[in-house]
C-alpha atoms as a PDB file:
ATOM      1  CA  UNK A   1     -11.403  38.023  54.391  1.00  0.00           C
ATOM      2  CA  UNK A   2     -10.017  34.545  55.109  1.00  0.00           C
ATOM      3  CA  UNK A   3      -9.108  33.525  58.649  1.00  0.00           C
ATOM      4  CA  UNK A   4      -5.879  31.928  59.857  1.00  0.00           C
ATOM      5  CA  UNK A   5      -5.309  30.878  63.461  1.00  0.00           C
ATOM      6  CA  UNK A   6      -1.802  30.719  64.903  1.00  0.00           C
ATOM      7  CA  UNK A   7      -0.766  29.035  68.137  1.00  0.00           C
ATOM      8  CA  UNK A   8       2.680  30.164  69.301  1.00  0.00           C
ATOM      9  CA  UNK A   9       5.102  28.804  71.867  1.00  0.00           C
ATOM     10  CA  UNK A  10       5.640  32.286  73.329  1.00  0.00           C
ATOM     11  CA  UNK A  11       5.077  36.005  72.979  1.00  0.00           C
ATOM     12  CA  UNK A  12       8.614  36.756  71.838  1.00  0.00           C
ATOM     13  CA  UNK A  13      10.401  39.789  70.455  1.00  0.00           C
ATOM     14  CA  UNK A  14      11.999  37.510  67.867  1.00  0.00           C
ATOM     15  CA  UNK A  15       8.477  37.028  66.466  1.00  0.00           C
ATOM     16  CA  UNK A  16       8.330  40.733  65.612  1.00  0.00           C
ATOM     17  CA  UNK A  17       7.617  40.418  61.834  1.00  0.00           C
ATOM     18  CA  UNK A  18       4.343  38.628  62.575  1.00  0.00           C
ATOM     19  CA  UNK A  19       3.305  41.378  64.967  1.00  0.00           C
ATOM     20  CA  UNK A  20       4.316  44.109  62.507  1.00  0.00           C
ATOM     21  CA  UNK A  21       2.367  42.405  59.713  1.00  0.00           C
ATOM     22  CA  UNK A  22      -0.678  42.489  61.981  1.00  0.00           C
ATOM     23  CA  UNK A  23      -0.562  46.072  63.292  1.00  0.00           C
ATOM     24  CA  UNK A  24       0.709  47.410  59.956  1.00  0.00           C
ATOM     25  CA  UNK A  25      -2.245  46.005  58.005  1.00  0.00           C
ATOM     26  CA  UNK A  26      -0.062  43.716  55.883  1.00  0.00           C
ATOM     27  CA  UNK A  27      -2.144  40.644  56.709  1.00  0.00           C
ATOM     28  CA  UNK A  28      -5.338  42.550  55.918  1.00  0.00           C
ATOM     29  CA  UNK A  29      -3.903  43.680  52.581  1.00  0.00           C
ATOM     30  CA  UNK A  30      -3.328  39.991  51.806  1.00  0.00           C
ATOM     31  CA  UNK A  31      -6.982  39.237  52.541  1.00  0.00           C
ATOM     32  CA  UNK A  32      -6.244  37.565  55.867  1.00  0.00           C
ATOM     33  CA  UNK A  33      -7.669  37.940  59.339  1.00  0.00           C
ATOM     34  CA  UNK A  34      -4.955  36.433  61.551  1.00  0.00           C
ATOM     35  CA  UNK A  35      -5.420  35.574  65.220  1.00  0.00           C
ATOM     36  CA  UNK A  36      -2.536  34.383  67.368  1.00  0.00           C
ATOM     37  CA  UNK A  37      -2.361  32.896  70.862  1.00  0.00           C
ATOM     38  CA  UNK A  38       0.724  32.202  72.977  1.00  0.00           C
ATOM     39  CA  UNK A  39       0.540  28.884  74.828  1.00  0.00           C
ATOM     40  CA  UNK A  40       1.709  28.185  78.387  1.00  0.00           C
ATOM     41  CA  UNK A  41       3.006  25.543  78.544  1.00  0.00           C
ATOM     42  CA  UNK A  42       4.293  25.828  75.007  1.00  0.00           C
ATOM     43  CA  UNK A  43       3.355  22.226  74.176  1.00  0.00           C
ATOM     44  CA  UNK A  44      -0.214  23.495  73.938  1.00  0.00           C
ATOM     45  CA  UNK A  45       0.555  24.364  70.307  1.00  0.00           C
ATOM     46  CA  UNK A  46       0.428  20.651  69.510  1.00  0.00           C
ATOM     47  CA  UNK A  47      -2.910  20.277  71.285  1.00  0.00           C
ATOM     48  CA  UNK A  48      -4.257  23.258  69.348  1.00  0.00           C
ATOM     49  CA  UNK A  49      -3.186  21.731  66.032  1.00  0.00           C
ATOM     50  CA  UNK A  50      -4.868  18.464  67.010  1.00  0.00           C
ATOM     51  CA  UNK A  51      -8.134  20.098  68.056  1.00  0.00           C
ATOM     52  CA  UNK A  52      -8.284  22.533  65.149  1.00  0.00           C
ATOM     53  CA  UNK A  53      -8.042  25.522  67.489  1.00  0.00           C
ATOM     54  CA  UNK A  54      -4.987  26.477  65.442  1.00  0.00           C
ATOM     55  CA  UNK A  55      -4.189  26.119  61.756  1.00  0.00           C
ATOM     56  CA  UNK A  56      -0.475  26.728  62.212  1.00  0.00           C
ATOM     57  CA  UNK A  57       1.933  26.429  65.110  1.00  0.00           C
ATOM     58  CA  UNK A  58       4.864  28.775  65.586  1.00  0.00           C
ATOM     59  CA  UNK A  59       7.919  27.375  67.333  1.00  0.00           C
ATOM     60  CA  UNK A  60      11.265  25.699  66.938  1.00  0.00           C
ATOM     61  CA  UNK A  61      12.231  23.636  63.907  1.00  0.00           C
ATOM     62  CA  UNK A  62      13.451  21.018  66.362  1.00  0.00           C
ATOM     63  CA  UNK A  63       9.845  19.982  67.134  1.00  0.00           C
ATOM     64  CA  UNK A  64       8.941  18.843  63.587  1.00  0.00           C
ATOM     65  CA  UNK A  65      12.435  17.333  63.502  1.00  0.00           C
ATOM     66  CA  UNK A  66      11.805  15.222  66.587  1.00  0.00           C
ATOM     67  CA  UNK A  67       8.475  13.940  65.243  1.00  0.00           C
ATOM     68  CA  UNK A  68       9.778  13.128  61.746  1.00  0.00           C
ATOM     69  CA  UNK A  69       8.789   9.577  60.829  1.00  0.00           C
ATOM     70  CA  UNK A  70       6.439   9.199  63.801  1.00  0.00           C
ATOM     71  CA  UNK A  71       2.652   9.035  63.999  1.00  0.00           C
ATOM     72  CA  UNK A  72       2.322  12.776  64.671  1.00  0.00           C
ATOM     73  CA  UNK A  73       2.922  14.168  61.197  1.00  0.00           C
ATOM     74  CA  UNK A  74       3.979  17.827  61.015  1.00  0.00           C
ATOM     75  CA  UNK A  75       4.993  19.817  57.945  1.00  0.00           C
ATOM     76  CA  UNK A  76       6.941  23.088  57.979  1.00  0.00           C
ATOM     77  CA  UNK A  77       5.417  25.835  55.811  1.00  0.00           C
ATOM     78  CA  UNK A  78       7.556  28.907  56.499  1.00  0.00           C
ATOM     79  CA  UNK A  79      10.360  30.416  58.554  1.00  0.00           C
ATOM     80  CA  UNK A  80      10.251  33.374  60.942  1.00  0.00           C
ATOM     81  CA  UNK A  81      13.788  33.331  62.403  1.00  0.00           C
ATOM     82  CA  UNK A  82      16.806  32.712  60.189  1.00  0.00           C
ATOM     83  CA  UNK A  83      19.290  32.911  63.081  1.00  0.00           C
ATOM     84  CA  UNK A  84      19.349  32.183  66.818  1.00  0.00           C
ATOM     85  CA  UNK A  85      19.081  35.400  68.859  1.00  0.00           C
ATOM     86  CA  UNK A  86      20.565  34.168  72.141  1.00  0.00           C
ATOM     87  CA  UNK A  87      23.588  35.197  74.199  1.00  0.00           C
ATOM     88  CA  UNK A  88      25.783  34.073  77.057  1.00  0.00           C
ATOM     89  CA  UNK A  89      26.065  36.500  79.970  1.00  0.00           C
ATOM     90  CA  UNK A  90      29.074  35.961  82.260  1.00  0.00           C
ATOM     91  CA  UNK A  91      29.274  37.080  85.857  1.00  0.00           C
ATOM     92  CA  UNK A  92      32.965  38.061  85.907  1.00  0.00           C
ATOM     93  CA  UNK A  93      34.330  37.872  82.350  1.00  0.00           C
ATOM     94  CA  UNK A  94      34.231  41.179  80.513  1.00  0.00           C
ATOM     95  CA  UNK A  95      35.744  40.331  77.118  1.00  0.00           C
ATOM     96  CA  UNK A  96      34.214  38.154  74.384  1.00  0.00           C
ATOM     97  CA  UNK A  97      34.859  34.478  75.078  1.00  0.00           C
ATOM     98  CA  UNK A  98      35.491  31.396  72.996  1.00  0.00           C
ATOM     99  CA  UNK A  99      33.475  28.387  74.079  1.00  0.00           C
ATOM    100  CA  UNK A 100      36.419  26.680  75.788  1.00  0.00           C
ATOM    101  CA  UNK A 101      35.938  29.287  78.533  1.00  0.00           C
ATOM    102  CA  UNK A 102      32.844  27.366  79.651  1.00  0.00           C
ATOM    103  CA  UNK A 103      34.896  24.338  80.766  1.00  0.00           C
ATOM    104  CA  UNK A 104      34.839  24.044  84.544  1.00  0.00           C
ATOM    105  CA  UNK A 105      32.074  26.634  84.852  1.00  0.00           C
ATOM    106  CA  UNK A 106      28.479  26.382  86.065  1.00  0.00           C
ATOM    107  CA  UNK A 107      26.178  27.624  83.295  1.00  0.00           C
ATOM    108  CA  UNK A 108      22.434  28.183  83.592  1.00  0.00           C
ATOM    109  CA  UNK A 109      20.476  27.157  80.494  1.00  0.00           C
ATOM    110  CA  UNK A 110      16.720  27.885  80.544  1.00  0.00           C
ATOM    111  CA  UNK A 111      14.718  25.014  79.131  1.00  0.00           C
ATOM    112  CA  UNK A 112      11.107  25.209  80.263  1.00  0.00           C
ATOM    113  CA  UNK A 113      10.226  26.801  76.922  1.00  0.00           C
ATOM    114  CA  UNK A 114      12.169  24.305  74.830  1.00  0.00           C
ATOM    115  CA  UNK A 115      15.553  22.656  74.411  1.00  0.00           C
ATOM    116  CA  UNK A 116      17.177  24.941  71.849  1.00  0.00           C
ATOM    117  CA  UNK A 117      19.147  27.284  74.181  1.00  0.00           C
ATOM    118  CA  UNK A 118      21.120  24.391  75.627  1.00  0.00           C
ATOM    119  CA  UNK A 119      21.170  22.070  72.620  1.00  0.00           C
ATOM    120  CA  UNK A 120      22.361  24.634  70.069  1.00  0.00           C
ATOM    121  CA  UNK A 121      25.031  25.870  72.485  1.00  0.00           C
ATOM    122  CA  UNK A 122      26.102  22.273  73.131  1.00  0.00           C
ATOM    123  CA  UNK A 123      26.216  21.652  69.380  1.00  0.00           C
ATOM    124  CA  UNK A 124      28.540  24.618  68.900  1.00  0.00           C
ATOM    125  CA  UNK A 125      30.738  23.300  71.709  1.00  0.00           C
ATOM    126  CA  UNK A 126      30.979  19.861  70.074  1.00  0.00           C
ATOM    127  CA  UNK A 127      31.650  21.439  66.666  1.00  0.00           C
ATOM    128  CA  UNK A 128      34.588  23.296  68.232  1.00  0.00           C
ATOM    129  CA  UNK A 129      36.022  19.947  69.352  1.00  0.00           C
ATOM    130  CA  UNK A 130      35.261  20.608  73.014  1.00  0.00           C
ATOM    131  CA  UNK A 131      33.598  18.502  75.699  1.00  0.00           C
ATOM    132  CA  UNK A 132      30.056  19.530  76.665  1.00  0.00           C
ATOM    133  CA  UNK A 133      30.417  17.541  79.897  1.00  0.00           C
ATOM    134  CA  UNK A 134      33.327  19.737  80.996  1.00  0.00           C
ATOM    135  CA  UNK A 135      30.692  22.324  81.948  1.00  0.00           C
ATOM    136  CA  UNK A 136      28.181  21.847  84.752  1.00  0.00           C
ATOM    137  CA  UNK A 137      24.749  22.776  83.410  1.00  0.00           C
ATOM    138  CA  UNK A 138      21.688  23.926  85.349  1.00  0.00           C
ATOM    139  CA  UNK A 139      18.852  23.119  82.941  1.00  0.00           C
ATOM    140  CA  UNK A 140      15.144  22.666  82.337  1.00  0.00           C
ATOM    141  CA  UNK A 141      13.885  25.504  84.536  1.00  0.00           C
ATOM    142  CA  UNK A 142      12.142  28.661  83.357  1.00  0.00           C
ATOM    143  CA  UNK A 143      14.000  31.760  82.239  1.00  0.00           C
ATOM    144  CA  UNK A 144      12.466  33.818  85.032  1.00  0.00           C
ATOM    145  CA  UNK A 145      13.512  31.335  87.716  1.00  0.00           C
ATOM    146  CA  UNK A 146      17.051  30.964  86.420  1.00  0.00           C
ATOM    147  CA  UNK A 147      17.495  34.735  86.119  1.00  0.00           C
ATOM    148  CA  UNK A 148      16.410  35.095  89.751  1.00  0.00           C
ATOM    149  CA  UNK A 149      18.848  32.363  90.813  1.00  0.00           C
ATOM    150  CA  UNK A 150      21.653  33.856  88.740  1.00  0.00           C
ATOM    151  CA  UNK A 151      21.089  37.284  90.243  1.00  0.00           C
ATOM    152  CA  UNK A 152      21.194  35.610  93.655  1.00  0.00           C
ATOM    153  CA  UNK A 153      24.654  34.217  92.945  1.00  0.00           C
ATOM    154  CA  UNK A 154      24.118  30.829  91.279  1.00  0.00           C
ATOM    155  CA  UNK A 155      26.394  30.005  88.364  1.00  0.00           C
ATOM    156  CA  UNK A 156      29.187  31.613  86.409  1.00  0.00           C
ATOM    157  CA  UNK A 157      27.130  32.368  83.301  1.00  0.00           C
ATOM    158  CA  UNK A 158      23.612  32.156  81.888  1.00  0.00           C
ATOM    159  CA  UNK A 159      22.208  31.668  78.379  1.00  0.00           C
ATOM    160  CA  UNK A 160      19.581  34.325  77.642  1.00  0.00           C
ATOM    161  CA  UNK A 161      17.606  35.967  74.862  1.00  0.00           C
ATOM    162  CA  UNK A 162      18.838  39.411  73.856  1.00  0.00           C
ATOM    163  CA  UNK A 163      16.292  41.392  75.876  1.00  0.00           C
ATOM    164  CA  UNK A 164      16.731  39.413  79.093  1.00  0.00           C
ATOM    165  CA  UNK A 165      20.498  39.585  78.664  1.00  0.00           C
ATOM    166  CA  UNK A 166      20.432  43.367  78.298  1.00  0.00           C
ATOM    167  CA  UNK A 167      18.241  43.613  81.407  1.00  0.00           C
ATOM    168  CA  UNK A 168      20.598  41.457  83.467  1.00  0.00           C
ATOM    169  CA  UNK A 169      23.604  43.472  82.295  1.00  0.00           C
ATOM    170  CA  UNK A 170      21.829  46.783  83.016  1.00  0.00           C
ATOM    171  CA  UNK A 171      21.164  45.548  86.544  1.00  0.00           C
ATOM    172  CA  UNK A 172      24.910  45.049  87.063  1.00  0.00           C
ATOM    173  CA  UNK A 173      25.038  41.258  86.946  1.00  0.00           C
ATOM    174  CA  UNK A 174      27.590  40.653  84.238  1.00  0.00           C
ATOM    175  CA  UNK A 175      28.520  41.166  80.615  1.00  0.00           C
ATOM    176  CA  UNK A 176      27.359  39.698  77.318  1.00  0.00           C
ATOM    177  CA  UNK A 177      30.403  37.680  76.272  1.00  0.00           C
ATOM    178  CA  UNK A 178      29.020  35.473  73.474  1.00  0.00           C
ATOM    179  CA  UNK A 179      26.372  36.003  70.800  1.00  0.00           C
ATOM    180  CA  UNK A 180      24.864  33.005  69.043  1.00  0.00           C
ATOM    181  CA  UNK A 181      24.083  35.237  66.060  1.00  0.00           C
ATOM    182  CA  UNK A 182      27.797  35.095  65.271  1.00  0.00           C
ATOM    183  CA  UNK A 183      27.391  31.363  64.556  1.00  0.00           C
ATOM    184  CA  UNK A 184      25.579  32.217  61.323  1.00  0.00           C
ATOM    185  CA  UNK A 185      22.345  30.958  59.814  1.00  0.00           C
ATOM    186  CA  UNK A 186      20.193  28.748  62.040  1.00  0.00           C
ATOM    187  CA  UNK A 187      16.514  28.048  61.190  1.00  0.00           C
ATOM    188  CA  UNK A 188      15.177  28.733  64.655  1.00  0.00           C
ATOM    189  CA  UNK A 189      11.456  29.601  64.637  1.00  0.00           C
ATOM    190  CA  UNK A 190       9.175  28.212  61.931  1.00  0.00           C
ATOM    191  CA  UNK A 191       5.505  27.763  61.136  1.00  0.00           C
ATOM    192  CA  UNK A 192       4.211  24.213  60.830  1.00  0.00           C
ATOM    193  CA  UNK A 193       0.886  22.459  60.346  1.00  0.00           C
ATOM    194  CA  UNK A 194      -0.525  18.981  60.603  1.00  0.00           C
ATOM    195  CA  UNK A 195       0.566  17.314  57.370  1.00  0.00           C
ATOM    196  CA  UNK A 196      -2.956  16.335  56.349  1.00  0.00           C
ATOM    197  CA  UNK A 197      -3.999  20.017  56.374  1.00  0.00           C
ATOM    198  CA  UNK A 198      -1.158  21.441  54.275  1.00  0.00           C
ATOM    199  CA  UNK A 199      -2.993  21.333  50.960  1.00  0.00           C
ATOM    200  CA  UNK A 200      -6.192  22.744  52.480  1.00  0.00           C
ATOM    201  CA  UNK A 201      -4.234  25.668  53.956  1.00  0.00           C
ATOM    202  CA  UNK A 202      -1.910  26.199  50.990  1.00  0.00           C
ATOM    203  CA  UNK A 203      -3.470  29.380  49.597  1.00  0.00           C
ATOM    204  CA  UNK A 204      -3.835  31.065  52.979  1.00  0.00           C
ATOM    205  CA  UNK A 205      -0.371  29.932  54.046  1.00  0.00           C
ATOM    206  CA  UNK A 206       1.211  31.363  50.896  1.00  0.00           C
ATOM    207  CA  UNK A 207      -0.402  34.761  51.496  1.00  0.00           C
ATOM    208  CA  UNK A 208       0.508  34.622  55.181  1.00  0.00           C
ATOM    209  CA  UNK A 209       4.179  33.835  54.566  1.00  0.00           C
ATOM    210  CA  UNK A 210       4.280  36.514  51.868  1.00  0.00           C
ATOM    211  CA  UNK A 211       2.990  39.040  54.402  1.00  0.00           C
ATOM    212  CA  UNK A 212       5.660  37.934  56.899  1.00  0.00           C
ATOM    213  CA  UNK A 213       8.321  38.443  54.218  1.00  0.00           C
ATOM    214  CA  UNK A 214       6.988  41.941  53.514  1.00  0.00           C
ATOM    215  CA  UNK A 215       7.147  42.788  57.222  1.00  0.00           C
ATOM    216  CA  UNK A 216      10.707  41.446  57.427  1.00  0.00           C
ATOM    217  CA  UNK A 217      11.787  43.695  54.562  1.00  0.00           C
ATOM    218  CA  UNK A 218      10.172  46.749  56.178  1.00  0.00           C
ATOM    219  CA  UNK A 219      11.897  46.037  59.494  1.00  0.00           C
ATOM    220  CA  UNK A 220      15.361  45.409  58.054  1.00  0.00           C
ATOM    221  CA  UNK A 221      15.085  48.442  55.760  1.00  0.00           C
ATOM    222  CA  UNK A 222      14.192  50.683  58.698  1.00  0.00           C
ATOM    223  CA  UNK A 223      10.727  51.411  57.316  1.00  0.00           C
ATOM    224  CA  UNK A 224       8.645  49.998  60.175  1.00  0.00           C
ATOM    225  CA  UNK A 225       9.438  52.329  63.068  1.00  0.00           C
ATOM    226  CA  UNK A 226       5.811  53.250  63.779  1.00  0.00           C
ATOM    227  CA  UNK A 227       4.670  49.633  63.684  1.00  0.00           C
ATOM    228  CA  UNK A 228       7.561  48.514  65.899  1.00  0.00           C
ATOM    229  CA  UNK A 229       6.802  51.190  68.478  1.00  0.00           C
ATOM    230  CA  UNK A 230       3.147  50.119  68.518  1.00  0.00           C
ATOM    231  CA  UNK A 231       4.127  46.484  69.037  1.00  0.00           C
ATOM    232  CA  UNK A 232       6.588  47.280  71.814  1.00  0.00           C
ATOM    233  CA  UNK A 233       4.024  49.434  73.613  1.00  0.00           C
ATOM    234  CA  UNK A 234       1.246  46.863  73.404  1.00  0.00           C
ATOM    235  CA  UNK A 235       3.075  43.566  73.867  1.00  0.00           C
ATOM    236  CA  UNK A 236       6.100  44.465  75.983  1.00  0.00           C
ATOM    237  CA  UNK A 237       4.886  47.449  77.998  1.00  0.00           C
ATOM    238  CA  UNK A 238       6.546  46.296  81.219  1.00  0.00           C
ATOM    239  CA  UNK A 239      10.050  46.243  79.775  1.00  0.00           C
ATOM    240  CA  UNK A 240      12.567  49.004  79.095  1.00  0.00           C
ATOM    241  CA  UNK A 241      11.811  50.390  75.600  1.00  0.00           C
ATOM    242  CA  UNK A 242      15.454  51.367  75.062  1.00  0.00           C
ATOM    243  CA  UNK A 243      16.642  47.815  75.712  1.00  0.00           C
ATOM    244  CA  UNK A 244      13.831  46.409  73.572  1.00  0.00           C
ATOM    245  CA  UNK A 245      14.746  48.620  70.646  1.00  0.00           C
ATOM    246  CA  UNK A 246      18.423  47.759  71.046  1.00  0.00           C
ATOM    247  CA  UNK A 247      17.524  44.068  70.807  1.00  0.00           C
ATOM    248  CA  UNK A 248      15.334  44.693  67.744  1.00  0.00           C
ATOM    249  CA  UNK A 249      18.173  46.490  65.989  1.00  0.00           C
ATOM    250  CA  UNK A 250      20.640  43.717  66.801  1.00  0.00           C
ATOM    251  CA  UNK A 251      18.305  41.023  65.494  1.00  0.00           C
ATOM    252  CA  UNK A 252      17.693  42.990  62.311  1.00  0.00           C
ATOM    253  CA  UNK A 253      21.444  43.433  61.748  1.00  0.00           C
ATOM    254  CA  UNK A 254      22.186  39.852  62.751  1.00  0.00           C
ATOM    255  CA  UNK A 255      20.079  38.201  60.075  1.00  0.00           C
ATOM    256  CA  UNK A 256      17.231  36.922  62.248  1.00  0.00           C
ATOM    257  CA  UNK A 257      14.639  38.297  59.821  1.00  0.00           C
ATOM    258  CA  UNK A 258      16.484  37.962  56.521  1.00  0.00           C
ATOM    259  CA  UNK A 259      14.167  35.464  54.838  1.00  0.00           C
ATOM    260  CA  UNK A 260      11.184  33.143  55.178  1.00  0.00           C
ATOM    261  CA  UNK A 261      13.100  30.530  53.155  1.00  0.00           C
ATOM    262  CA  UNK A 262      14.842  27.859  55.220  1.00  0.00           C
ATOM    263  CA  UNK A 263      18.496  27.254  54.380  1.00  0.00           C
ATOM    264  CA  UNK A 264      18.966  23.558  53.624  1.00  0.00           C
ATOM    265  CA  UNK A 265      22.535  23.322  54.928  1.00  0.00           C
ATOM    266  CA  UNK A 266      21.619  25.136  58.148  1.00  0.00           C
ATOM    267  CA  UNK A 267      18.636  22.840  58.652  1.00  0.00           C
ATOM    268  CA  UNK A 268      20.874  19.806  58.164  1.00  0.00           C
ATOM    269  CA  UNK A 269      23.385  21.182  60.696  1.00  0.00           C
ATOM    270  CA  UNK A 270      20.636  21.727  63.293  1.00  0.00           C
ATOM    271  CA  UNK A 271      19.236  18.250  62.734  1.00  0.00           C
ATOM    272  CA  UNK A 272      22.722  16.727  63.102  1.00  0.00           C
ATOM    273  CA  UNK A 273      23.169  18.607  66.383  1.00  0.00           C
ATOM    274  CA  UNK A 274      19.896  17.149  67.631  1.00  0.00           C
ATOM    275  CA  UNK A 275      20.874  13.676  66.445  1.00  0.00           C
ATOM    276  CA  UNK A 276      24.232  13.893  68.220  1.00  0.00           C
ATOM    277  CA  UNK A 277      22.371  14.904  71.378  1.00  0.00           C
ATOM    278  CA  UNK A 278      20.035  11.903  71.107  1.00  0.00           C
ATOM    279  CA  UNK A 279      16.910  14.055  70.762  1.00  0.00           C
ATOM    280  CA  UNK A 280      15.878  12.588  67.435  1.00  0.00           C
ATOM    281  CA  UNK A 281      16.060   9.092  65.985  1.00  0.00           C
ATOM    282  CA  UNK A 282      17.614  10.249  62.709  1.00  0.00           C
ATOM    283  CA  UNK A 283      18.338  13.546  61.005  1.00  0.00           C
ATOM    284  CA  UNK A 284      15.461  14.376  58.610  1.00  0.00           C
ATOM    285  CA  UNK A 285      16.258  16.335  55.478  1.00  0.00           C
ATOM    286  CA  UNK A 286      14.668  19.694  54.831  1.00  0.00           C
ATOM    287  CA  UNK A 287      12.660  18.073  52.022  1.00  0.00           C
ATOM    288  CA  UNK A 288      11.170  15.670  54.551  1.00  0.00           C
ATOM    289  CA  UNK A 289      10.392  18.434  57.044  1.00  0.00           C
ATOM    290  CA  UNK A 290       8.634  20.490  54.366  1.00  0.00           C
ATOM    291  CA  UNK A 291       7.043  17.597  52.520  1.00  0.00           C
ATOM    292  CA  UNK A 292       9.046  18.742  49.483  1.00  0.00           C
ATOM    293  CA  UNK A 293       6.737  21.779  49.267  1.00  0.00           C
ATOM    294  CA  UNK A 294       8.269  25.160  48.486  1.00  0.00           C
ATOM    295  CA  UNK A 295       8.754  27.041  51.737  1.00  0.00           C
ATOM    296  CA  UNK A 296       8.988  30.815  51.948  1.00  0.00           C
ATOM    297  CA  UNK A 297       7.471  33.753  50.130  1.00  0.00           C
ATOM    298  CA  UNK A 298       7.421  33.731  46.350  1.00  0.00           C
ATOM    299  CA  UNK A 299       9.699  36.504  45.107  1.00  0.00           C
END
């Protein structure tokens, strides 16, 4: 049995295929013993790659994008999320909104775990020909803190993951009025390694990504109910299982776990969004981010 160590930016429901591959014995069937640790703060994944405590990091594609061409060399080896499972919850609106509704509003955008919730939303606003600055943003604080502030009366709307959004709505604090999944393919969460280790890890990485793909297919086909229930009970025991399962079903329908292969056009769009925001020096191509290696399970 070969070992593979993963360092993740969170313990997230959107990472479900990895958890299912573990509890369902899919990793073991591929000859892998996989260990995974969630880092707090999330930037610990980079420290773990540097020290060798982790072979792969799991997090946003925007991180390898930001470091492209710099001394820290990171290479993407597989995808876990093919779409962005976030929402906007509004305090008073009850019907689905278009993004021009945000003009003149105060919107809370959690950012302690990374920049994607705000930056992808802002990119969609710019793509629609609207002004990001027309909205007042409360940013860079943790999800938990901003939820508490929102429940206390701060802001007109808040950007949240599907589970947190359902919890806020169930508590009577608004309505989900926008779903980022409707924006289509977005390579959100990926696995990446230090570039100098890619060849060394290639065999294990290929088996690992293949196992993730198998888990994705089981989930989206509705064949992983027992594994999902085990994951929800062990990793998310303090949260409402009905809301958790509702979020799982929406992510499965919404394309979050459709493939381990990164869509080149979607990657380019995300990198352009980050370039427009000034987060990266230039927009790297998918070939640069992957080192021109094939990414995704071999079919």
